Each structure stands twice: as structure tokens, then as C-alpha cells.
Protein backbone atom coordinates (compact mmCIF):
# COMPACT_ATOMS: atom_id res chain seq x y z
CA MET A 1 84.55 71.33 28.21
CA ASN A 2 88.25 70.17 29.26
CA ALA A 3 89.24 72.01 32.36
CA THR A 4 92.57 73.66 30.95
CA LEU A 5 94.39 74.08 27.59
CA ALA A 6 96.80 71.44 28.66
CA HIS A 7 93.93 68.95 29.21
CA CYS A 8 92.65 69.56 25.86
CA LEU A 9 96.20 68.65 24.42
CA HIS A 10 96.28 65.36 26.37
CA ALA A 11 92.67 64.46 25.50
CA HIS A 12 93.57 64.80 21.77
CA ALA A 13 96.73 62.66 22.32
CA GLN A 14 94.57 59.92 24.09
CA ARG A 15 91.85 59.86 21.48
CA ARG A 16 93.78 60.46 18.19
CA GLY A 17 97.43 60.44 19.07
CA ALA A 18 98.86 59.63 15.69
CA ALA A 19 96.97 62.39 13.82
CA PRO A 20 98.79 65.41 13.00
CA ALA A 21 98.66 68.43 15.47
CA LEU A 22 101.45 70.84 14.44
CA ARG A 23 103.44 71.54 11.22
CA ALA A 24 106.41 73.83 10.96
CA LYS A 25 108.56 74.95 8.19
CA GLN A 26 112.39 74.46 8.84
CA LEU A 27 114.77 75.19 6.05
CA GLY A 28 112.04 75.21 3.49
CA ILE A 29 110.66 71.82 4.43
CA TRP A 30 107.44 71.14 6.37
CA GLN A 31 107.93 68.98 9.60
CA THR A 32 104.96 67.42 11.33
CA TRP A 33 104.48 66.70 14.99
CA SER A 34 101.43 64.14 15.85
CA TRP A 35 99.42 64.83 19.02
CA ASN A 36 101.45 62.13 20.82
CA GLU A 37 104.59 63.72 19.83
CA LEU A 38 103.53 67.10 21.11
CA ALA A 39 102.16 65.65 24.35
CA THR A 40 105.47 63.99 24.98
CA LEU A 41 107.42 67.16 24.27
CA THR A 42 105.17 69.21 26.47
CA ARG A 43 105.66 66.67 29.30
CA HIS A 44 109.36 66.73 29.04
CA ILE A 45 109.37 70.55 28.96
CA ALA A 46 107.11 70.65 31.98
CA CYS A 47 109.23 68.33 33.97
CA GLY A 48 112.31 70.53 33.04
CA LEU A 49 110.57 73.76 34.17
CA ALA A 50 109.67 72.06 37.50
CA GLU A 51 113.22 71.16 37.89
CA ALA A 52 114.23 74.81 37.30
CA GLY A 53 111.80 75.74 40.03
CA LEU A 54 108.64 76.97 38.23
CA GLN A 55 105.75 76.75 40.65
CA ARG A 56 102.07 76.87 40.28
CA GLY A 57 100.88 80.45 39.95
CA ASP A 58 104.21 81.70 38.63
CA THR A 59 104.52 83.58 35.38
CA ILE A 60 106.77 82.61 32.53
CA ALA A 61 107.33 85.08 29.56
CA LEU A 62 107.50 83.95 25.95
CA LEU A 63 109.10 86.04 23.22
CA GLY A 64 108.80 84.54 19.74
CA ASP A 65 106.73 83.85 16.79
CA ASN A 66 104.40 81.15 16.23
CA ARG A 67 106.79 77.94 16.60
CA PRO A 68 106.22 74.55 17.87
CA HIS A 69 108.68 75.01 20.92
CA LEU A 70 106.94 78.26 21.89
CA HIS A 71 103.52 76.58 21.96
CA ALA A 72 104.86 73.51 23.81
CA THR A 73 106.52 75.49 26.42
CA MET A 74 103.33 77.66 26.91
CA LEU A 75 101.38 74.49 27.31
CA ALA A 76 104.04 72.85 29.63
CA ALA A 77 103.96 75.88 31.82
CA GLN A 78 100.07 75.88 32.04
CA ALA A 79 100.08 72.13 32.71
CA LEU A 80 102.14 72.92 35.97
CA GLY A 81 99.57 75.71 36.90
CA ALA A 82 101.83 78.44 35.95
CA VAL A 83 100.75 81.33 33.78
CA ALA A 84 102.17 82.20 30.24
CA LEU A 85 103.06 85.71 29.31
CA PRO A 86 103.38 85.83 25.43
CA LEU A 87 105.19 89.05 24.45
CA CYS A 88 105.04 91.02 21.17
CA THR A 89 108.36 90.68 19.15
CA SER A 90 107.86 94.04 17.83
CA GLY A 91 107.43 95.64 21.29
CA SER A 92 109.80 98.30 22.64
CA ILE A 93 112.30 97.44 25.38
CA GLU A 94 110.28 99.65 27.65
CA GLU A 95 107.03 97.78 27.00
CA LEU A 96 108.78 94.38 27.43
CA ALA A 97 110.31 95.56 30.76
CA PHE A 98 106.95 96.74 31.91
CA ALA A 99 105.37 93.33 31.29
CA LEU A 100 108.25 91.45 32.99
CA ASP A 101 108.08 93.61 36.08
CA ALA A 102 104.31 93.76 36.34
CA ALA A 103 104.15 90.00 36.25
CA SER A 104 107.16 89.56 38.50
CA VAL A 105 108.64 87.08 35.80
CA ARG A 106 111.59 85.21 36.84
CA ARG A 107 111.92 82.74 33.88
CA ALA A 108 111.51 83.40 30.25
CA PHE A 109 111.57 81.67 26.80
CA ALA A 110 113.17 83.48 23.83
CA GLU A 111 113.04 82.11 20.20
CA ASP A 112 116.40 83.25 18.94
CA GLN A 113 119.26 85.58 19.33
CA GLU A 114 117.31 88.68 18.54
CA GLN A 115 114.89 87.84 21.13
CA VAL A 116 117.38 86.94 23.72
CA ASP A 117 119.10 90.27 23.28
CA LYS A 118 115.79 92.04 24.07
CA LEU A 119 115.28 90.24 27.20
CA LEU A 120 118.83 90.75 28.26
CA ALA A 121 118.39 94.53 27.58
CA CYS A 122 115.34 94.24 29.88
CA ARG A 123 117.48 92.61 32.50
CA ASP A 124 119.96 95.44 32.20
CA ARG A 125 117.29 97.85 33.01
CA GLY A 126 116.41 96.12 36.25
CA ALA A 127 113.66 93.56 34.99
CA ARG A 128 113.57 90.45 36.88
CA PRO A 129 114.27 87.45 34.56
CA ALA A 130 117.03 85.32 36.16
CA VAL A 131 116.72 82.38 33.70
CA LEU A 132 116.43 82.65 29.86
CA TRP A 133 115.92 79.60 27.70
CA PHE A 134 116.44 79.95 24.02
CA ASP A 135 115.20 77.71 21.22
CA ARG A 136 117.45 78.57 18.22
CA PRO A 137 121.11 78.66 19.24
CA ARG A 138 122.52 80.31 16.13
CA GLY A 139 124.70 83.38 17.14
CA LEU A 140 124.54 82.48 20.96
CA ARG A 141 127.62 80.48 21.06
CA HIS A 142 129.77 83.12 22.71
CA TYR A 143 127.17 84.36 25.23
CA ARG A 144 128.08 83.88 28.67
CA ASP A 145 125.29 85.77 30.48
CA ALA A 146 124.16 84.18 33.80
CA GLY A 147 121.02 82.05 33.52
CA LEU A 148 121.23 81.72 29.79
CA GLU A 149 120.56 78.14 28.76
CA SER A 150 119.24 76.20 25.62
CA LEU A 151 115.76 74.72 25.62
CA GLY A 152 117.46 71.51 24.46
CA THR A 153 119.23 71.49 27.95
CA LEU A 154 115.97 72.08 29.69
CA ILE A 155 114.21 69.34 27.72
CA ASP A 156 117.09 66.78 28.61
CA ALA A 157 116.71 67.58 32.20
CA GLY A 158 112.90 67.16 32.05
CA ARG A 159 113.26 63.69 30.33
CA ARG A 160 115.54 62.57 33.25
CA ARG A 161 113.00 63.79 35.84
CA ASP A 162 110.07 62.09 34.11
CA HIS A 163 112.09 58.90 34.16
CA ARG A 164 112.83 59.15 37.78
CA ASP A 165 109.34 60.10 38.71
CA PRO A 166 106.87 59.11 35.98
CA GLY A 167 103.90 60.07 38.12
CA PHE A 168 104.96 63.59 38.73
CA PHE A 169 103.64 65.19 35.55
CA ASP A 170 100.18 63.49 35.53
CA ALA A 171 99.69 64.38 39.20
CA ARG A 172 100.41 68.14 38.44
CA LEU A 173 98.21 68.05 35.28
CA ALA A 174 95.32 66.64 37.29
CA GLN A 175 95.44 69.71 39.59
CA GLY A 176 94.52 72.04 36.84
CA GLN A 177 91.24 73.87 37.19
CA ALA A 178 89.15 75.73 34.57
CA ASP A 179 89.34 79.05 36.53
CA ASP A 180 92.99 78.96 37.02
CA ALA A 181 94.77 81.84 35.31
CA ALA A 182 96.07 80.82 31.90
CA ALA A 183 97.54 83.68 30.26
CA ARG A 184 98.37 87.40 30.51
CA PHE A 185 98.51 89.84 27.74
CA VAL A 186 99.74 93.29 27.53
CA GLU A 187 97.47 96.10 26.22
CA ARG A 188 96.90 99.78 26.52
CA ASN A 189 93.88 101.22 28.14
CA ALA A 190 91.87 104.15 27.04
CA ASP A 191 94.54 106.67 28.48
CA GLY A 192 97.34 104.95 26.50
CA ASP A 193 98.76 103.31 29.62
CA LEU A 194 100.09 99.79 29.59
CA ARG A 195 98.35 97.14 31.60
CA LEU A 196 98.29 93.43 32.01
CA VAL A 197 94.92 91.50 31.32
CA THR A 198 94.69 87.98 32.75
CA LEU A 199 92.45 85.35 31.34
CA SER A 200 91.46 81.88 32.80
CA HIS A 201 91.35 78.63 30.96
CA ARG A 202 87.68 78.74 30.99
CA GLN A 203 87.46 82.21 29.52
CA LEU A 204 89.92 81.23 26.69
CA LEU A 205 88.17 77.89 25.92
CA GLN A 206 84.55 79.23 26.13
CA ARG A 207 85.44 82.12 23.58
CA ALA A 208 87.50 79.70 21.36
CA GLN A 209 84.41 77.15 21.34
CA THR A 210 81.96 80.01 20.32
CA ALA A 211 84.17 81.11 17.62
CA ALA A 212 84.70 77.55 16.35
CA ARG A 213 80.90 76.71 16.38
CA ALA A 214 80.12 79.96 14.31
CA ALA A 215 82.56 78.90 11.74
CA ALA A 216 81.85 75.04 11.94
CA LEU A 217 85.47 74.11 12.44
CA ARG A 218 86.48 70.55 12.94
CA HIS A 219 89.59 68.54 13.46
CA ARG A 220 90.04 68.05 9.55
CA ASP A 221 90.60 71.69 9.08
CA GLU A 222 94.06 73.12 8.06
CA VAL A 223 94.90 76.52 9.55
CA LEU A 224 98.05 78.68 9.21
CA ALA A 225 99.21 80.37 12.44
CA CYS A 226 99.31 83.94 10.97
CA LEU A 227 98.32 85.72 14.31
CA SER A 228 100.83 86.93 17.08
CA PRO A 229 100.62 84.61 20.16
CA ALA A 230 100.97 88.00 22.22
CA SER A 231 97.77 89.66 20.90
CA LEU A 232 94.83 89.73 23.30
CA ALA A 233 92.57 90.35 20.39
CA HIS A 234 93.76 87.19 18.77
CA SER A 235 93.87 84.86 21.75
CA ALA A 236 90.53 83.12 21.08
CA ALA A 237 91.43 82.34 17.34
CA GLY A 238 95.02 81.06 18.24
CA ALA A 239 96.17 78.22 20.36
CA ALA A 240 92.87 78.01 22.37
CA GLN A 241 90.77 77.40 19.25
CA TRP A 242 93.34 74.88 17.87
CA LEU A 243 93.19 72.91 21.15
CA VAL A 244 89.40 73.00 21.36
CA CYS A 245 88.93 71.74 17.67
CA GLY A 246 92.01 69.61 17.22
CA TYR A 247 92.63 70.78 13.64
CA VAL A 248 96.26 71.00 12.16
CA LEU A 249 98.05 74.08 13.09
CA SER A 250 100.89 75.06 10.64
CA CYS A 251 103.65 77.49 11.83
CA PRO A 252 105.32 79.71 9.27
CA GLU A 253 108.98 79.73 9.14
CA SER A 254 108.98 83.62 9.61
CA PRO A 255 106.39 86.44 9.20
CA GLU A 256 107.97 87.16 5.85
CA THR A 257 107.26 83.68 4.50
CA VAL A 258 103.50 83.74 5.27
CA PRO A 259 102.43 84.59 1.74
CA THR A 260 104.37 81.57 0.39
CA ASP A 261 103.29 79.35 3.27
CA LEU A 262 99.55 80.17 2.60
CA ARG A 263 99.84 78.87 -1.00
CA GLU A 264 101.68 75.76 0.21
CA ILE A 265 99.30 74.99 3.01
CA GLY A 266 95.99 75.95 1.42
CA PRO A 267 94.13 76.65 4.83
CA THR A 268 90.49 75.75 5.08
CA TYR A 269 89.94 78.46 7.85
CA TYR A 270 91.61 81.81 7.86
CA ALA A 271 91.86 84.26 10.79
CA ALA A 272 93.50 87.55 9.71
CA SER A 273 94.01 91.03 10.88
CA PRO A 274 93.00 94.05 8.74
CA HIS A 275 96.80 94.83 8.40
CA LEU A 276 97.54 91.45 7.04
CA LEU A 277 94.52 91.58 4.50
CA GLN A 278 95.31 95.20 3.56
CA ALA A 279 99.04 94.17 2.83
CA GLN A 280 97.86 91.24 0.87
CA PHE A 281 95.59 93.34 -1.28
CA ALA A 282 98.39 95.92 -2.00
CA GLU A 283 100.72 93.08 -3.08
CA LEU A 284 98.22 91.72 -5.45
CA GLN A 285 97.65 95.12 -6.96
CA GLU A 286 101.32 95.48 -7.54
CA ARG A 287 101.50 92.04 -9.21
CA MET A 288 98.48 92.73 -11.41
CA HIS A 289 100.55 95.43 -13.12
CA GLU A 290 102.70 92.60 -14.67
CA ALA A 291 99.65 90.54 -15.84
CA GLY A 292 98.33 90.25 -19.24
CA ALA A 293 96.27 93.18 -20.80
CA LEU A 294 92.92 91.35 -20.53
CA ARG A 295 93.30 90.17 -16.82
CA ARG A 296 94.70 93.56 -15.86
CA ARG A 297 91.61 95.54 -17.50
CA LEU A 298 89.31 92.98 -15.71
CA PHE A 299 91.04 93.39 -12.39
CA GLU A 300 90.99 97.32 -12.60
CA ARG A 301 87.22 97.13 -13.70
CA PHE A 302 85.74 94.91 -11.04
CA PRO A 303 87.62 94.81 -7.66
CA GLY A 304 85.40 97.16 -6.11
CA ARG A 305 82.11 95.29 -7.11
CA THR A 306 80.53 92.93 -4.67
CA PRO A 307 79.39 89.39 -6.11
CA PRO A 308 75.75 90.45 -6.66
CA ALA A 309 76.97 93.01 -9.09
CA LEU A 310 79.07 90.67 -11.00
CA GLY A 311 76.23 88.76 -12.79
CA GLY A 312 75.96 87.31 -16.22
CA LEU A 313 78.89 86.92 -18.60
CA ARG A 314 81.00 89.67 -17.05
CA GLY A 315 80.68 88.06 -13.53
CA ALA A 316 81.56 84.63 -14.97
CA ALA A 317 84.45 86.03 -16.80
CA TRP A 318 85.77 87.89 -13.77
CA ARG A 319 85.49 84.79 -11.56
CA LEU A 320 87.01 82.51 -14.27
CA LEU A 321 89.93 84.71 -15.27
CA ILE A 322 90.59 86.77 -12.11
CA GLY A 323 88.71 85.60 -8.92
CA ALA A 324 89.62 81.84 -9.05
CA PRO A 325 93.40 82.37 -10.10
CA LEU A 326 93.67 85.10 -7.38
CA ARG A 327 92.35 82.92 -4.73
CA ASN A 328 94.67 80.22 -5.65
CA ALA A 329 97.63 82.48 -6.02
CA ILE A 330 97.23 83.75 -2.51
CA GLY A 331 96.58 80.43 -1.13
CA LEU A 332 92.96 80.78 -0.15
CA SER A 333 91.25 78.68 -2.72
CA ARG A 334 90.17 76.19 0.00
CA VAL A 335 88.91 78.69 2.54
CA ARG A 336 85.29 77.99 3.65
CA ALA A 337 85.25 80.14 6.89
CA ALA A 338 87.18 83.31 7.75
CA HIS A 339 87.31 85.72 10.77
CA LEU A 340 88.42 89.19 10.86
CA LEU A 341 90.33 90.19 14.14
CA GLY A 342 90.56 93.95 14.77
CA ASP A 343 89.01 96.93 13.06
CA SER A 344 86.81 96.72 9.96
CA LEU A 345 88.30 96.56 6.50
CA HIS A 346 88.63 99.48 4.31
CA GLY A 347 85.83 99.64 1.72
CA ASP A 348 87.91 98.84 -1.27
CA VAL A 349 89.62 95.96 0.52
CA GLN A 350 86.40 94.63 1.85
CA ALA A 351 84.73 94.74 -1.55
CA PHE A 352 87.66 93.05 -3.17
CA TYR A 353 87.62 89.95 -0.86
CA ARG A 354 83.90 89.82 -1.27
CA ALA A 355 84.25 89.61 -4.90
CA LEU A 356 86.63 86.71 -4.35
CA ARG A 357 83.81 85.32 -2.30
CA LEU A 358 85.58 85.64 0.96
CA GLU A 359 83.53 87.03 3.77
CA PHE A 360 85.43 87.82 6.90
CA THR A 361 83.22 87.73 9.81
CA PRO A 362 84.26 90.03 12.70
CA LEU A 363 85.44 88.32 15.95
CA THR A 364 84.92 90.08 19.04
CA ASP A 365 88.41 91.41 20.15
CA VAL A 366 88.47 90.57 23.95
CA PRO A 367 87.04 87.47 25.48
CA GLN A 368 84.51 88.20 28.15
CA GLY A 369 85.54 88.37 31.72
CA GLY A 370 89.14 89.38 31.18
CA GLY A 371 90.40 91.44 34.19
CA ALA A 372 93.41 93.54 34.62
CA ALA A 373 96.18 91.82 36.50
């Protein structure tokens, strides 16, 4: 097993550098980064972070959705021996401020203006971040807050540092060990109090390998990043599993575009939360009200039946007229393995996906060995 997540990235770049690693939708068009391109971007961000003073053992916060620059910044920090603290974009200012203070965060990454505003609000409440890098500059032109810089500026500084000292990054990457802290996550304990849980590279990679073997995942698979990078429950089926398997990870343009992106990507592996699946089922129920009379009657008659009950001509008719078109309509026609992350599905929802021949295997929420920070 590779020692760290960053080592996994660079191993893929060395073995199959021209293969696609990441896709991201920008203004409605899918853009692709190869493993070589992602490794180079990560190298330059890491050198820029080092120029900005990020040290081994420091924690950097990241506030945003699944986007290439968020993943690259996380890996760049980990390559330097720092710890990533992905934060939930829907978290309250109080929750964000707690995490920033508890982890003694001095540097943070924000995806866009909305996330910058949240981090600046935390700073106003006494939280520590002195430097904030933003990815998307829209709406930030007139901001004059101290320490606010674009990620592009950081990358340029890192490119210059790498040119001056080409051996720096490789030396820092080589220092990484499997038991180094890799990421911290915010969760609530049994009493409802917030706490930080810290996981090592070994814990993340071992859990990801176990899940990948169970689903028989391989580098040819296509996956849409539907899971929040800030969720401890989703950590093993997110970036760690992508780096273990080397499959193509596609980043939606926004959480709202996920249904469309699923149809365009057609993933072969699908890891989803009960909330996402329940919302998907509710949307389908609404859409079926506009369907033809025959399909509507079939949908209403059989969605609660499991495949064994759909035998004979009725079962064949349901699969031909309803099941196959529905799987294709929601972008899951190619799915051959699926994981459920979180609580079990409601009975009707579970029965419906089973009728579509989609069996969601539960994935243990918390990787073994995680400890409070």
C-alpha cells in the first residue's frame, strides 16, 4: 500500500500519466485532467503553500464542494505533511468557527464568494485564519480584506518556487508516512457536542481498499463525486477510494446539477446517501405523473415489489417499459456496484431501487481507528 494519499496520486501519474483522473463541468462543458496534469497542479500548489509558510503538522481548512482545485489543494497540503480539514458548506458560522479554532487553523481555501464570506465571518468572531485563498473570483473584485488572495496567485508563486528548487517538493513528499495525520472531520458525539476526529493516511487507505475490493472497483470505472468532502461517514468512499483505484472522478458543477450530471456521466459505481436516494425517488414520482397512462399504471402498481415478485410477463413488462427507462433516465443504467452511506433506506425507497436491480450495500460509517483530535 502506498504510504500516503499524495503518494497514490504520484504513483498513478508515473504508471499511467496520460489517463484521465478528474473531470469537472464548467459552464456546461466537461473538462478533463490527466494524472500527469493533476500531479503537476498539486506540485505547484504545494510549493506555493510552502512559500506561504505551511509546515508539516499544520492544518489547512477547505470550504467548498467537490471541485478539482479543492482536491488538488487538499493533496498538496498532505504532500507537505499538513492535515486537511474539509468543512461542510451548509454548516453554521458557529460550527465553522469551532472547527477553525479547535484545529488552530491559520490558512484556508474557499471555493467562491459565498464560502469566503463565511470564513471572513468566522474571522470576525475571533477565529484564526490569517490567509484565505479563493478559487472562483466572481464577486470578490472589490474585497480588500487582509490575507485574501486568489488561488491563481498561489499557483504562480509555487511554479516559481518549483523552478528555483526543483528538488524541494520531491523531498517533502518522500517524508510522508502512512501513520501521519491526513484529515480531520467535524462530527457530533452522543451528547450533541461538536468534536474533531483525526484520521491517518493508513486508516483512510485501508478503509478505502476494503470498500473497493468489496465492490470490485478498478481504474476503468467512472464515478460522479456526489458526496460531501467534509463528511466523515463518506471519507472512505470519496477521495481515498479514488486514489486507491485510480478510476475517473467527475465533479458536478454544483449540487443542483447532480441529476443532470449523473445522466451525462453514466457512472459504473455509485456511492450515495439515503437523503440523495430519497430525493431522487421523490423526483421520479413527480415525473411519472406526466407519463403515459400505461407507464403510470405500471409504475404505481409495482414500485414496492422486489425483483423475485416481478416474474413472468408482468415482471418482463415492468423491466422493459419502466425499469430500464428509469435507470437510464436517472443515469444509473451502467451501475454495477453501489454503496449506501449512512442510515438504511425507507422500505418503499429500498424496494423501488431493488426493483430497478440496484442493490445498495451499506458501507460502515466511520473508518476503524479514528480518534478525537
